[in-house]
Protein backbone atom coordinates (compact mmCIF):
# COMPACT_ATOMS: atom_id res chain seq x y z
CA MET A 1 0.00 0.00 0.00
CA LYS A 2 1.25 3.47 -0.86
CA ASN A 3 0.84 6.58 1.29
CA VAL A 4 -0.62 9.73 -0.27
CA THR A 5 -0.76 13.18 1.26
CA LEU A 6 -3.90 15.21 0.59
CA SER A 7 -4.80 18.70 1.68
CA ALA A 8 -8.30 19.97 2.47
CA ASP A 9 -10.03 22.55 4.59
CA ALA A 10 -9.73 21.74 8.31
CA ASP A 11 -13.51 21.95 8.82
CA LEU A 12 -14.11 19.52 5.96
CA ILE A 13 -11.62 17.03 7.39
CA GLU A 14 -13.29 17.26 10.79
CA GLN A 15 -16.72 16.65 9.24
CA VAL A 16 -15.41 13.61 7.39
CA ARG A 17 -13.83 12.30 10.60
CA LEU A 18 -17.15 12.63 12.42
CA VAL A 19 -19.01 10.77 9.66
CA ALA A 20 -16.33 8.07 9.56
CA ARG A 21 -16.47 7.68 13.34
CA ALA A 22 -20.27 7.33 13.21
CA GLN A 23 -19.78 4.50 10.68
CA HIS A 24 -17.08 2.91 12.87
CA LYS A 25 -14.47 3.56 10.19
CA THR A 26 -11.20 5.44 10.03
CA LEU A 27 -10.54 8.44 7.85
CA ASN A 28 -8.14 6.24 5.85
CA ALA A 29 -10.81 3.59 5.29
CA VAL A 30 -13.32 6.19 4.09
CA SER A 31 -10.69 7.71 1.79
CA ARG A 32 -9.82 4.32 0.31
CA GLU A 33 -13.50 3.56 -0.33
CA TRP A 34 -13.96 6.90 -2.08
CA LEU A 35 -10.87 6.36 -4.23
CA GLN A 36 -12.11 2.91 -5.25
CA GLN A 37 -15.53 4.28 -6.19
CA TYR A 38 -14.00 7.19 -8.08
CA ALA A 39 -11.65 4.91 -10.00
CA GLY A 40 -14.53 2.56 -10.80
CA GLN A 41 -16.50 5.34 -12.49
CA SER A 42 -14.13 5.55 -15.43
CA GLY A 43 -14.30 1.80 -15.86
CA SER A 44 -18.08 1.98 -16.02
CA ALA A 45 -17.92 4.69 -18.68
CA GLN A 46 -15.57 2.53 -20.73
CA GLU A 47 -17.93 -0.43 -20.37
CA VAL A 48 -20.88 1.66 -21.53
CA ASP A 49 -18.91 2.96 -24.52
CA SER A 50 -17.93 -0.59 -25.42
CA LEU A 51 -21.55 -1.76 -25.17
CA LEU A 52 -22.79 1.11 -27.33
CA LYS A 53 -20.21 0.27 -30.00
CA ARG A 54 -21.29 -3.38 -29.98
CA LEU A 55 -24.92 -2.34 -30.33
CA SER A 56 -24.35 0.35 -32.95
CA HIS A 57 -26.21 -1.74 -35.52
CA VAL A 58 -29.45 -1.51 -33.50
CA ARG A 59 -31.88 1.10 -34.74
CA ALA A 60 -33.97 2.21 -31.78
CA SER A 61 -36.30 4.40 -33.85
CA ARG A 62 -37.48 1.54 -36.02
CA HIS A 63 -41.15 0.56 -35.58
CA PHE A 64 -41.84 -3.15 -35.43
CA ILE A 65 -44.96 -4.78 -36.78
CA ARG A 66 -47.00 -7.10 -34.56
CA ALA A 67 -45.68 -10.25 -36.24
CA GLU A 68 -42.07 -9.20 -35.61
CA MET A 69 -42.74 -8.47 -31.94
CA ASN A 70 -44.36 -11.88 -31.46
CA GLU A 71 -41.62 -13.90 -33.19
CA ARG A 72 -39.89 -16.44 -30.99
């Protein structure tokens, strides 16, 4: 594990400490969770982009006739 130094307003840090304490967590644990969630957001965007590329052939505006909707 690597140490990172962050700077923030003293009041904000105290608020985060209080929330962490209420959740029986440390400030480090809360920070790690946030970093994991933040890093995961870009992965989700990449997954969505990949899915949209794979589905680019789908035409959402096309109207289907009843027979097509009932095909199995």
